[in-house]
Amino acid sequence: MFYSDRMETVSGVITRYNKKTVTVITDDGRRWNVSPGLLSKVTSGRSQASVGTITPIASKR
């Protein structure tokens, strides 16, 4: 979850995670490239059954 330039809440699924940008695909199909520092973890809203497959992303350090 993050806030758009219009201060609207945007949530979706992370499809790519790099040092400088994270790609998030929203439920309506929009693609956002944002800084990882702007993201917040969503703790409620969707049930785990509707999320799908979750793949852990390992750090490259």
Protein backbone atom coordinates (compact mmCIF):
# COMPACT_ATOMS: atom_id res chain seq x y z
CA MET A 1 0.00 0.00 0.00
CA PHE A 2 1.15 3.55 -0.74
CA TYR A 3 -0.33 6.96 -1.47
CA SER A 4 -0.56 8.31 -5.02
CA ASP A 5 0.32 11.86 -6.01
CA ARG A 6 -3.37 12.69 -5.39
CA MET A 7 -3.06 11.27 -1.85
CA GLU A 8 -5.29 8.29 -2.70
CA THR A 9 -4.53 4.92 -1.14
CA VAL A 10 -3.16 2.46 -3.72
CA SER A 11 -2.76 -1.24 -2.96
CA GLY A 12 -1.83 -4.23 -5.07
CA VAL A 13 0.64 -7.04 -5.59
CA ILE A 14 4.40 -6.54 -5.78
CA THR A 15 5.65 -8.07 -9.02
CA ARG A 16 9.23 -6.77 -9.02
CA TYR A 17 11.47 -5.50 -6.22
CA ASN A 18 14.73 -3.66 -6.93
CA LYS A 19 16.89 -1.35 -4.79
CA LYS A 20 15.47 1.83 -6.31
CA THR A 21 11.98 0.85 -7.53
CA VAL A 22 9.22 -1.62 -6.79
CA THR A 23 6.59 -2.51 -9.40
CA VAL A 24 3.08 -2.85 -7.97
CA ILE A 25 0.11 -4.13 -10.01
CA THR A 26 -3.25 -2.95 -8.64
CA ASP A 27 -6.50 -4.92 -8.76
CA ASP A 28 -7.72 -2.77 -11.66
CA GLY A 29 -4.58 -3.61 -13.70
CA ARG A 30 -2.61 -0.40 -13.30
CA ARG A 31 1.17 -0.67 -12.97
CA TRP A 32 3.00 1.62 -10.55
CA ASN A 33 6.77 1.99 -10.13
CA VAL A 34 7.47 3.41 -6.68
CA SER A 35 10.32 3.75 -4.23
CA PRO A 36 10.44 0.90 -1.67
CA GLY A 37 10.41 3.50 1.12
CA LEU A 38 6.91 4.60 0.14
CA LEU A 39 5.36 1.16 0.66
CA SER A 40 3.46 0.05 3.76
CA LYS A 41 2.41 -3.46 4.65
CA VAL A 42 -1.34 -4.08 4.46
CA THR A 43 -2.55 -5.93 7.56
CA SER A 44 -6.26 -6.18 6.69
CA GLY A 45 -8.57 -5.99 3.71
CA ARG A 46 -8.12 -9.08 1.57
CA SER A 47 -8.37 -12.59 2.90
CA GLN A 48 -5.40 -14.91 2.47
CA ALA A 49 -7.47 -17.11 0.13
CA SER A 50 -7.77 -14.34 -2.45
CA VAL A 51 -4.10 -13.34 -2.40
CA GLY A 52 -2.76 -16.30 -4.42
CA THR A 53 0.76 -17.63 -4.41
CA ILE A 54 3.25 -15.66 -2.36
CA THR A 55 6.91 -16.01 -3.29
CA PRO A 56 9.49 -14.77 -0.79
CA ILE A 57 12.09 -12.42 -2.25
CA ALA A 58 15.62 -13.04 -0.99
CA SER A 59 17.98 -10.14 -0.37
CA LYS A 60 20.99 -9.95 -2.68
CA ARG A 61 23.34 -8.91 0.12
